[in-house]
Amino acid sequence: MNYLLIRHKVADFAKWKPGYDAHGSARTNAGLKEEHLLRNTDDPNEVVLLFSAQNLNKAKQFAASDDLRQRMQQVGVTDKPDIWFLND
């Protein structure tokens, strides 16, 4: 199984989450399934997302897409995301 792991900080989780949820169809189209959405206990505006990826190439295309970069800006991502592609 392949995975996509993303870590980033947001300005305000309560404002970020609805925008993240609204982008679900783009994640689905990329073959991604959310496995975990986690928040740092010391900084609740730091978010870690783990997705299972049906197709690693599609996941990489999604992670590098202008659509994702624009969405992150719109919903208040405040730092450069850390993105990892993993397998078990």
PDB file of N, CA and C in Angstrom:
ATOM      1  N   MET A   1       0.851  -1.180   0.000  1.00  0.00           N
ATOM      2  CA  MET A   1       0.000   0.000   0.000  1.00  0.00           C
ATOM      3  C   MET A   1       0.889   1.233   0.000  1.00  0.00           C
ATOM      4  N   ASN A   2       0.480   2.246  -0.746  1.00  0.00           N
ATOM      5  CA  ASN A   2       1.180   3.525  -0.797  1.00  0.00           C
ATOM      6  C   ASN A   2       0.415   4.558   0.021  1.00  0.00           C
ATOM      7  N   TYR A   3       1.168   5.527   0.531  1.00  0.00           N
ATOM      8  CA  TYR A   3       0.580   6.568   1.364  1.00  0.00           C
ATOM      9  C   TYR A   3       1.150   7.929   0.989  1.00  0.00           C
ATOM     10  N   LEU A   4       0.369   8.948   1.276  1.00  0.00           N
ATOM     11  CA  LEU A   4       0.791  10.328   1.169  1.00  0.00           C
ATOM     12  C   LEU A   4       0.626  10.940   2.551  1.00  0.00           C
ATOM     13  N   LEU A   5       1.711  11.533   3.066  1.00  0.00           N
ATOM     14  CA  LEU A   5       1.692  12.173   4.378  1.00  0.00           C
ATOM     15  C   LEU A   5       2.015  13.652   4.176  1.00  0.00           C
ATOM     16  N   ILE A   6       1.162  14.514   4.713  1.00  0.00           N
ATOM     17  CA  ILE A   6       1.353  15.965   4.595  1.00  0.00           C
ATOM     18  C   ILE A   6       1.309  16.575   5.991  1.00  0.00           C
ATOM     19  N   ARG A   7       2.275  17.475   6.263  1.00  0.00           N
ATOM     20  CA  ARG A   7       2.288  18.229   7.510  1.00  0.00           C
ATOM     21  C   ARG A   7       2.393  19.699   7.160  1.00  0.00           C
ATOM     22  N   HIS A   8       1.513  20.505   7.710  1.00  0.00           N
ATOM     23  CA  HIS A   8       1.612  21.946   7.519  1.00  0.00           C
ATOM     24  C   HIS A   8       0.920  22.678   8.660  1.00  0.00           C
ATOM     25  N   LYS A   9       1.216  23.968   8.754  1.00  0.00           N
ATOM     26  CA  LYS A   9       0.562  24.827   9.747  1.00  0.00           C
ATOM     27  C   LYS A   9      -0.494  25.657   9.040  1.00  0.00           C
ATOM     28  N   VAL A  10      -1.556  25.961   9.783  1.00  0.00           N
ATOM     29  CA  VAL A  10      -2.637  26.783   9.258  1.00  0.00           C
ATOM     30  C   VAL A  10      -2.843  27.970  10.195  1.00  0.00           C
ATOM     31  N   ALA A  11      -3.395  29.046   9.642  1.00  0.00           N
ATOM     32  CA  ALA A  11      -3.638  30.245  10.450  1.00  0.00           C
ATOM     33  C   ALA A  11      -4.707  29.981  11.508  1.00  0.00           C
ATOM     34  N   ASP A  12      -5.748  29.238  11.121  1.00  0.00           N
ATOM     35  CA  ASP A  12      -6.882  28.993  12.013  1.00  0.00           C
ATOM     36  C   ASP A  12      -7.555  27.693  11.588  1.00  0.00           C
ATOM     37  N   PHE A  13      -7.415  26.650  12.407  1.00  0.00           N
ATOM     38  CA  PHE A  13      -7.956  25.343  12.048  1.00  0.00           C
ATOM     39  C   PHE A  13      -9.452  25.414  11.740  1.00  0.00           C
ATOM     40  N   ALA A  14     -10.211  26.186  12.521  1.00  0.00           N
ATOM     41  CA  ALA A  14     -11.662  26.277  12.326  1.00  0.00           C
ATOM     42  C   ALA A  14     -12.021  26.864  10.959  1.00  0.00           C
ATOM     43  N   LYS A  15     -11.169  27.710  10.421  1.00  0.00           N
ATOM     44  CA  LYS A  15     -11.400  28.261   9.076  1.00  0.00           C
ATOM     45  C   LYS A  15     -10.826  27.340   8.001  1.00  0.00           C
ATOM     46  N   TRP A  16      -9.743  26.656   8.313  1.00  0.00           N
ATOM     47  CA  TRP A  16      -9.096  25.758   7.353  1.00  0.00           C
ATOM     48  C   TRP A  16      -9.961  24.536   7.046  1.00  0.00           C
ATOM     49  N   LYS A  17     -10.568  23.941   8.076  1.00  0.00           N
ATOM     50  CA  LYS A  17     -11.249  22.645   7.934  1.00  0.00           C
ATOM     51  C   LYS A  17     -12.376  22.666   6.897  1.00  0.00           C
ATOM     52  N   PRO A  18     -13.277  23.654   6.877  1.00  0.00           N
ATOM     53  CA  PRO A  18     -14.329  23.637   5.841  1.00  0.00           C
ATOM     54  C   PRO A  18     -13.760  23.716   4.415  1.00  0.00           C
ATOM     55  N   GLY A  19     -12.695  24.481   4.226  1.00  0.00           N
ATOM     56  CA  GLY A  19     -12.063  24.552   2.909  1.00  0.00           C
ATOM     57  C   GLY A  19     -11.405  23.240   2.529  1.00  0.00           C
ATOM     58  N   TYR A  20     -10.795  22.598   3.509  1.00  0.00           N
ATOM     59  CA  TYR A  20     -10.206  21.272   3.287  1.00  0.00           C
ATOM     60  C   TYR A  20     -11.299  20.279   2.904  1.00  0.00           C
ATOM     61  N   ASP A  21     -12.392  20.277   3.651  1.00  0.00           N
ATOM     62  CA  ASP A  21     -13.490  19.346   3.369  1.00  0.00           C
ATOM     63  C   ASP A  21     -14.061  19.568   1.978  1.00  0.00           C
ATOM     64  N   ALA A  22     -14.163  20.825   1.555  1.00  0.00           N
ATOM     65  CA  ALA A  22     -14.735  21.146   0.252  1.00  0.00           C
ATOM     66  C   ALA A  22     -13.855  20.675  -0.904  1.00  0.00           C
ATOM     67  N   HIS A  23     -12.612  20.357  -0.627  1.00  0.00           N
ATOM     68  CA  HIS A  23     -11.669  19.911  -1.663  1.00  0.00           C
ATOM     69  C   HIS A  23     -11.626  18.382  -1.763  1.00  0.00           C
ATOM     70  N   GLY A  24     -12.525  17.706  -1.062  1.00  0.00           N
ATOM     71  CA  GLY A  24     -12.520  16.245  -1.010  1.00  0.00           C
ATOM     72  C   GLY A  24     -12.636  15.563  -2.354  1.00  0.00           C
ATOM     73  N   SER A  25     -13.424  16.130  -3.268  1.00  0.00           N
ATOM     74  CA  SER A  25     -13.593  15.486  -4.570  1.00  0.00           C
ATOM     75  C   SER A  25     -12.278  15.449  -5.338  1.00  0.00           C
ATOM     76  N   ALA A  26     -11.445  16.480  -5.187  1.00  0.00           N
ATOM     77  CA  ALA A  26     -10.142  16.487  -5.862  1.00  0.00           C
ATOM     78  C   ALA A  26      -9.249  15.379  -5.306  1.00  0.00           C
ATOM     79  N   ARG A  27      -9.307  15.170  -3.994  1.00  0.00           N
ATOM     80  CA  ARG A  27      -8.518  14.082  -3.388  1.00  0.00           C
ATOM     81  C   ARG A  27      -9.030  12.722  -3.874  1.00  0.00           C
ATOM     82  N   THR A  28     -10.344  12.575  -3.917  1.00  0.00           N
ATOM     83  CA  THR A  28     -10.936  11.315  -4.390  1.00  0.00           C
ATOM     84  C   THR A  28     -10.527  11.045  -5.838  1.00  0.00           C
ATOM     85  N   ASN A  29     -10.576  12.070  -6.673  1.00  0.00           N
ATOM     86  CA  ASN A  29     -10.198  11.914  -8.080  1.00  0.00           C
ATOM     87  C   ASN A  29      -8.733  11.532  -8.233  1.00  0.00           C
ATOM     88  N   ALA A  30      -7.917  11.900  -7.264  1.00  0.00           N
ATOM     89  CA  ALA A  30      -6.493  11.546  -7.286  1.00  0.00           C
ATOM     90  C   ALA A  30      -6.238  10.168  -6.680  1.00  0.00           C
ATOM     91  N   GLY A  31      -7.316   9.478  -6.280  1.00  0.00           N
ATOM     92  CA  GLY A  31      -7.161   8.140  -5.712  1.00  0.00           C
ATOM     93  C   GLY A  31      -6.716   8.141  -4.264  1.00  0.00           C
ATOM     94  N   LEU A  32      -6.958   9.252  -3.562  1.00  0.00           N
ATOM     95  CA  LEU A  32      -6.547   9.362  -2.168  1.00  0.00           C
ATOM     96  C   LEU A  32      -7.725   9.144  -1.240  1.00  0.00           C
ATOM     97  N   LYS A  33      -7.467   8.441  -0.152  1.00  0.00           N
ATOM     98  CA  LYS A  33      -8.475   8.221   0.885  1.00  0.00           C
ATOM     99  C   LYS A  33      -7.876   8.675   2.212  1.00  0.00           C
ATOM    100  N   GLU A  34      -8.553   9.601   2.866  1.00  0.00           N
ATOM    101  CA  GLU A  34      -8.057  10.077   4.161  1.00  0.00           C
ATOM    102  C   GLU A  34      -8.096   8.941   5.172  1.00  0.00           C
ATOM    103  N   GLU A  35      -6.959   8.685   5.792  1.00  0.00           N
ATOM    104  CA  GLU A  35      -6.867   7.678   6.847  1.00  0.00           C
ATOM    105  C   GLU A  35      -6.842   8.352   8.218  1.00  0.00           C
ATOM    106  N   HIS A  36      -6.117   9.465   8.313  1.00  0.00           N
ATOM    107  CA  HIS A  36      -6.008  10.191   9.586  1.00  0.00           C
ATOM    108  C   HIS A  36      -5.850  11.677   9.319  1.00  0.00           C
ATOM    109  N   LEU A  37      -6.551  12.476  10.104  1.00  0.00           N
ATOM    110  CA  LEU A  37      -6.345  13.920  10.181  1.00  0.00           C
ATOM    111  C   LEU A  37      -6.001  14.182  11.638  1.00  0.00           C
ATOM    112  N   LEU A  38      -4.767  14.604  11.882  1.00  0.00           N
ATOM    113  CA  LEU A  38      -4.265  14.764  13.244  1.00  0.00           C
ATOM    114  C   LEU A  38      -3.814  16.198  13.468  1.00  0.00           C
ATOM    115  N   ARG A  39      -3.891  16.628  14.742  1.00  0.00           N
ATOM    116  CA  ARG A  39      -3.429  17.959  15.113  1.00  0.00           C
ATOM    117  C   ARG A  39      -2.394  17.825  16.218  1.00  0.00           C
ATOM    118  N   ASN A  40      -1.389  18.672  16.151  1.00  0.00           N
ATOM    119  CA  ASN A  40      -0.329  18.694  17.149  1.00  0.00           C
ATOM    120  C   ASN A  40      -0.930  19.130  18.488  1.00  0.00           C
ATOM    121  N   THR A  41      -0.681  18.382  19.545  1.00  0.00           N
ATOM    122  CA  THR A  41      -1.248  18.720  20.855  1.00  0.00           C
ATOM    123  C   THR A  41      -0.688  20.032  21.395  1.00  0.00           C
ATOM    124  N   ASP A  42       0.549  20.394  21.017  1.00  0.00           N
ATOM    125  CA  ASP A  42       1.158  21.640  21.477  1.00  0.00           C
ATOM    126  C   ASP A  42       0.807  22.830  20.582  1.00  0.00           C
ATOM    127  N   ASP A  43       0.396  22.552  19.356  1.00  0.00           N
ATOM    128  CA  ASP A  43       0.029  23.605  18.394  1.00  0.00           C
ATOM    129  C   ASP A  43      -1.130  23.087  17.551  1.00  0.00           C
ATOM    130  N   PRO A  44      -2.373  23.330  17.977  1.00  0.00           N
ATOM    131  CA  PRO A  44      -3.530  22.780  17.268  1.00  0.00           C
ATOM    132  C   PRO A  44      -3.708  23.310  15.850  1.00  0.00           C
ATOM    133  N   ASN A  45      -2.910  24.299  15.454  1.00  0.00           N
ATOM    134  CA  ASN A  45      -2.949  24.776  14.070  1.00  0.00           C
ATOM    135  C   ASN A  45      -1.886  24.105  13.202  1.00  0.00           C
ATOM    136  N   GLU A  46      -1.210  23.090  13.741  1.00  0.00           N
ATOM    137  CA  GLU A  46      -0.319  22.259  12.938  1.00  0.00           C
ATOM    138  C   GLU A  46      -1.064  20.964  12.649  1.00  0.00           C
ATOM    139  N   VAL A  47      -1.205  20.661  11.363  1.00  0.00           N
ATOM    140  CA  VAL A  47      -2.038  19.556  10.914  1.00  0.00           C
ATOM    141  C   VAL A  47      -1.172  18.508  10.217  1.00  0.00           C
ATOM    142  N   VAL A  48      -1.454  17.236  10.506  1.00  0.00           N
ATOM    143  CA  VAL A  48      -0.808  16.118   9.825  1.00  0.00           C
ATOM    144  C   VAL A  48      -1.911  15.272   9.207  1.00  0.00           C
ATOM    145  N   LEU A  49      -1.778  15.014   7.911  1.00  0.00           N
ATOM    146  CA  LEU A  49      -2.778  14.242   7.167  1.00  0.00           C
ATOM    147  C   LEU A  49      -2.124  13.008   6.578  1.00  0.00           C
ATOM    148  N   LEU A  50      -2.751  11.862   6.755  1.00  0.00           N
ATOM    149  CA  LEU A  50      -2.276  10.621   6.154  1.00  0.00           C
ATOM    150  C   LEU A  50      -3.359  10.092   5.231  1.00  0.00           C
ATOM    151  N   PHE A  51      -2.988   9.873   3.982  1.00  0.00           N
ATOM    152  CA  PHE A  51      -3.899   9.327   2.982  1.00  0.00           C
ATOM    153  C   PHE A  51      -3.345   8.018   2.448  1.00  0.00           C
ATOM    154  N   SER A  52      -4.210   7.045   2.200  1.00  0.00           N
ATOM    155  CA  SER A  52      -3.806   5.898   1.406  1.00  0.00           C
ATOM    156  C   SER A  52      -3.939   6.325  -0.056  1.00  0.00           C
ATOM    157  N   ALA A  53      -3.045   5.827  -0.895  1.00  0.00           N
ATOM    158  CA  ALA A  53      -2.988   6.233  -2.294  1.00  0.00           C
ATOM    159  C   ALA A  53      -3.112   5.008  -3.187  1.00  0.00           C
ATOM    160  N   GLN A  54      -4.150   4.988  -4.002  1.00  0.00           N
ATOM    161  CA  GLN A  54      -4.349   3.861  -4.920  1.00  0.00           C
ATOM    162  C   GLN A  54      -3.267   3.841  -5.998  1.00  0.00           C
ATOM    163  N   ASN A  55      -2.826   5.025  -6.416  1.00  0.00           N
ATOM    164  CA  ASN A  55      -1.865   5.143  -7.503  1.00  0.00           C
ATOM    165  C   ASN A  55      -0.835   6.198  -7.107  1.00  0.00           C
ATOM    166  N   LEU A  56       0.400   5.787  -6.938  1.00  0.00           N
ATOM    167  CA  LEU A  56       1.443   6.684  -6.457  1.00  0.00           C
ATOM    168  C   LEU A  56       1.686   7.842  -7.426  1.00  0.00           C
ATOM    169  N   ASN A  57       1.639   7.581  -8.726  1.00  0.00           N
ATOM    170  CA  ASN A  57       1.859   8.652  -9.700  1.00  0.00           C
ATOM    171  C   ASN A  57       0.760   9.703  -9.618  1.00  0.00           C
ATOM    172  N   LYS A  58      -0.498   9.269  -9.487  1.00  0.00           N
ATOM    173  CA  LYS A  58      -1.600  10.224  -9.352  1.00  0.00           C
ATOM    174  C   LYS A  58      -1.466  11.032  -8.064  1.00  0.00           C
ATOM    175  N   ALA A  59      -1.026  10.382  -6.992  1.00  0.00           N
ATOM    176  CA  ALA A  59      -0.821  11.084  -5.720  1.00  0.00           C
ATOM    177  C   ALA A  59       0.268  12.144  -5.868  1.00  0.00           C
ATOM    178  N   LYS A  60       1.344  11.815  -6.564  1.00  0.00           N
ATOM    179  CA  LYS A  60       2.425  12.777  -6.777  1.00  0.00           C
ATOM    180  C   LYS A  60       1.960  13.944  -7.638  1.00  0.00           C
ATOM    181  N   GLN A  61       1.168  13.660  -8.660  1.00  0.00           N
ATOM    182  CA  GLN A  61       0.631  14.728  -9.505  1.00  0.00           C
ATOM    183  C   GLN A  61      -0.262  15.660  -8.691  1.00  0.00           C
ATOM    184  N   PHE A  62      -1.106  15.082  -7.844  1.00  0.00           N
ATOM    185  CA  PHE A  62      -1.986  15.875  -6.994  1.00  0.00           C
ATOM    186  C   PHE A  62      -1.169  16.759  -6.059  1.00  0.00           C
ATOM    187  N   ALA A  63      -0.161  16.185  -5.412  1.00  0.00           N
ATOM    188  CA  ALA A  63       0.651  16.935  -4.443  1.00  0.00           C
ATOM    189  C   ALA A  63       1.400  18.081  -5.107  1.00  0.00           C
ATOM    190  N   ALA A  64       1.742  17.941  -6.381  1.00  0.00           N
ATOM    191  CA  ALA A  64       2.488  18.974  -7.099  1.00  0.00           C
ATOM    192  C   ALA A  64       1.584  19.942  -7.866  1.00  0.00           C
ATOM    193  N   SER A  65       0.283  19.747  -7.786  1.00  0.00           N
ATOM    194  CA  SER A  65      -0.648  20.504  -8.636  1.00  0.00           C
ATOM    195  C   SER A  65      -0.822  21.957  -8.194  1.00  0.00           C
ATOM    196  N   ASP A  66      -1.065  22.808  -9.170  1.00  0.00           N
ATOM    197  CA  ASP A  66      -1.406  24.203  -8.886  1.00  0.00           C
ATOM    198  C   ASP A  66      -2.707  24.271  -8.109  1.00  0.00           C
ATOM    199  N   ASP A  67      -3.635  23.368  -8.407  1.00  0.00           N
ATOM    200  CA  ASP A  67      -4.924  23.341  -7.712  1.00  0.00           C
ATOM    201  C   ASP A  67      -4.716  23.189  -6.207  1.00  0.00           C
ATOM    202  N   LEU A  68      -3.873  22.257  -5.812  1.00  0.00           N
ATOM    203  CA  LEU A  68      -3.627  22.045  -4.379  1.00  0.00           C
ATOM    204  C   LEU A  68      -2.918  23.251  -3.775  1.00  0.00           C
ATOM    205  N   ARG A  69      -1.921  23.775  -4.463  1.00  0.00           N
ATOM    206  CA  ARG A  69      -1.184  24.929  -3.951  1.00  0.00           C
ATOM    207  C   ARG A  69      -2.124  26.129  -3.763  1.00  0.00           C
ATOM    208  N   GLN A  70      -2.990  26.365  -4.724  1.00  0.00           N
ATOM    209  CA  GLN A  70      -3.948  27.471  -4.617  1.00  0.00           C
ATOM    210  C   GLN A  70      -4.931  27.240  -3.481  1.00  0.00           C
ATOM    211  N   ARG A  71      -5.413  26.015  -3.336  1.00  0.00           N
ATOM    212  CA  ARG A  71      -6.356  25.700  -2.263  1.00  0.00           C
ATOM    213  C   ARG A  71      -5.701  25.921  -0.904  1.00  0.00           C
ATOM    214  N   MET A  72      -4.455  25.486  -0.770  1.00  0.00           N
ATOM    215  CA  MET A  72      -3.751  25.673   0.500  1.00  0.00           C
ATOM    216  C   MET A  72      -3.645  27.161   0.841  1.00  0.00           C
ATOM    217  N   GLN A  73      -3.351  27.992  -0.144  1.00  0.00           N
ATOM    218  CA  GLN A  73      -3.271  29.436   0.097  1.00  0.00           C
ATOM    219  C   GLN A  73      -4.640  29.984   0.509  1.00  0.00           C
ATOM    220  N   GLN A  74      -5.693  29.538  -0.170  1.00  0.00           N
ATOM    221  CA  GLN A  74      -7.044  30.035   0.101  1.00  0.00           C
ATOM    222  C   GLN A  74      -7.509  29.701   1.510  1.00  0.00           C
ATOM    223  N   VAL A  75      -7.129  28.531   2.013  1.00  0.00           N
ATOM    224  CA  VAL A  75      -7.644  28.088   3.317  1.00  0.00           C
ATOM    225  C   VAL A  75      -6.703  28.416   4.478  1.00  0.00           C
ATOM    226  N   GLY A  76      -5.588  29.099   4.187  1.00  0.00           N
ATOM    227  CA  GLY A  76      -4.767  29.614   5.267  1.00  0.00           C
ATOM    228  C   GLY A  76      -3.586  28.774   5.697  1.00  0.00           C
ATOM    229  N   VAL A  77      -3.029  27.955   4.798  1.00  0.00           N
ATOM    230  CA  VAL A  77      -1.784  27.256   5.136  1.00  0.00           C
ATOM    231  C   VAL A  77      -0.692  28.319   5.216  1.00  0.00           C
ATOM    232  N   THR A  78       0.052  28.318   6.315  1.00  0.00           N
ATOM    233  CA  THR A  78       0.982  29.416   6.589  1.00  0.00           C
ATOM    234  C   THR A  78       2.456  29.059   6.395  1.00  0.00           C
ATOM    235  N   ASP A  79       2.770  27.815   6.146  1.00  0.00           N
ATOM    236  CA  ASP A  79       4.169  27.450   5.922  1.00  0.00           C
ATOM    237  C   ASP A  79       4.266  26.525   4.723  1.00  0.00           C
ATOM    238  N   LYS A  80       5.494  26.192   4.352  1.00  0.00           N
ATOM    239  CA  LYS A  80       5.699  25.259   3.247  1.00  0.00           C
ATOM    240  C   LYS A  80       5.373  23.862   3.765  1.00  0.00           C
ATOM    241  N   PRO A  81       4.421  23.178   3.135  1.00  0.00           N
ATOM    242  CA  PRO A  81       4.053  21.843   3.607  1.00  0.00           C
ATOM    243  C   PRO A  81       5.205  20.855   3.457  1.00  0.00           C
ATOM    244  N   ASP A  82       5.298  19.947   4.416  1.00  0.00           N
ATOM    245  CA  ASP A  82       6.177  18.786   4.278  1.00  0.00           C
ATOM    246  C   ASP A  82       5.329  17.686   3.673  1.00  0.00           C
ATOM    247  N   ILE A  83       5.818  17.080   2.583  1.00  0.00           N
ATOM    248  CA  ILE A  83       5.052  16.053   1.876  1.00  0.00           C
ATOM    249  C   ILE A  83       5.934  14.831   1.705  1.00  0.00           C
ATOM    250  N   TRP A  84       5.440  13.696   2.130  1.00  0.00           N
ATOM    251  CA  TRP A  84       6.161  12.430   1.985  1.00  0.00           C
ATOM    252  C   TRP A  84       5.281  11.408   1.287  1.00  0.00           C
ATOM    253  N   PHE A  85       5.924  10.616   0.435  1.00  0.00           N
ATOM    254  CA  PHE A  85       5.277   9.463  -0.192  1.00  0.00           C
ATOM    255  C   PHE A  85       5.880   8.231   0.462  1.00  0.00           C
ATOM    256  N   LEU A  86       5.014   7.378   1.000  1.00  0.00           N
ATOM    257  CA  LEU A  86       5.454   6.244   1.814  1.00  0.00           C
ATOM    258  C   LEU A  86       4.836   4.952   1.321  1.00  0.00           C
ATOM    259  N   ASN A  87       5.440   3.833   1.676  1.00  0.00           N
ATOM    260  CA  ASN A  87       4.802   2.532   1.463  1.00  0.00           C
ATOM    261  C   ASN A  87       5.122   1.622   2.630  1.00  0.00           C
ATOM    262  N   ASP A  88       4.339   0.559   2.742  1.00  0.00           N
ATOM    263  CA  ASP A  88       4.570  -0.364   3.860  1.00  0.00           C
ATOM    264  C   ASP A  88       5.227  -1.633   3.388  1.00  0.00           C
TER     265      ASP A  88
END
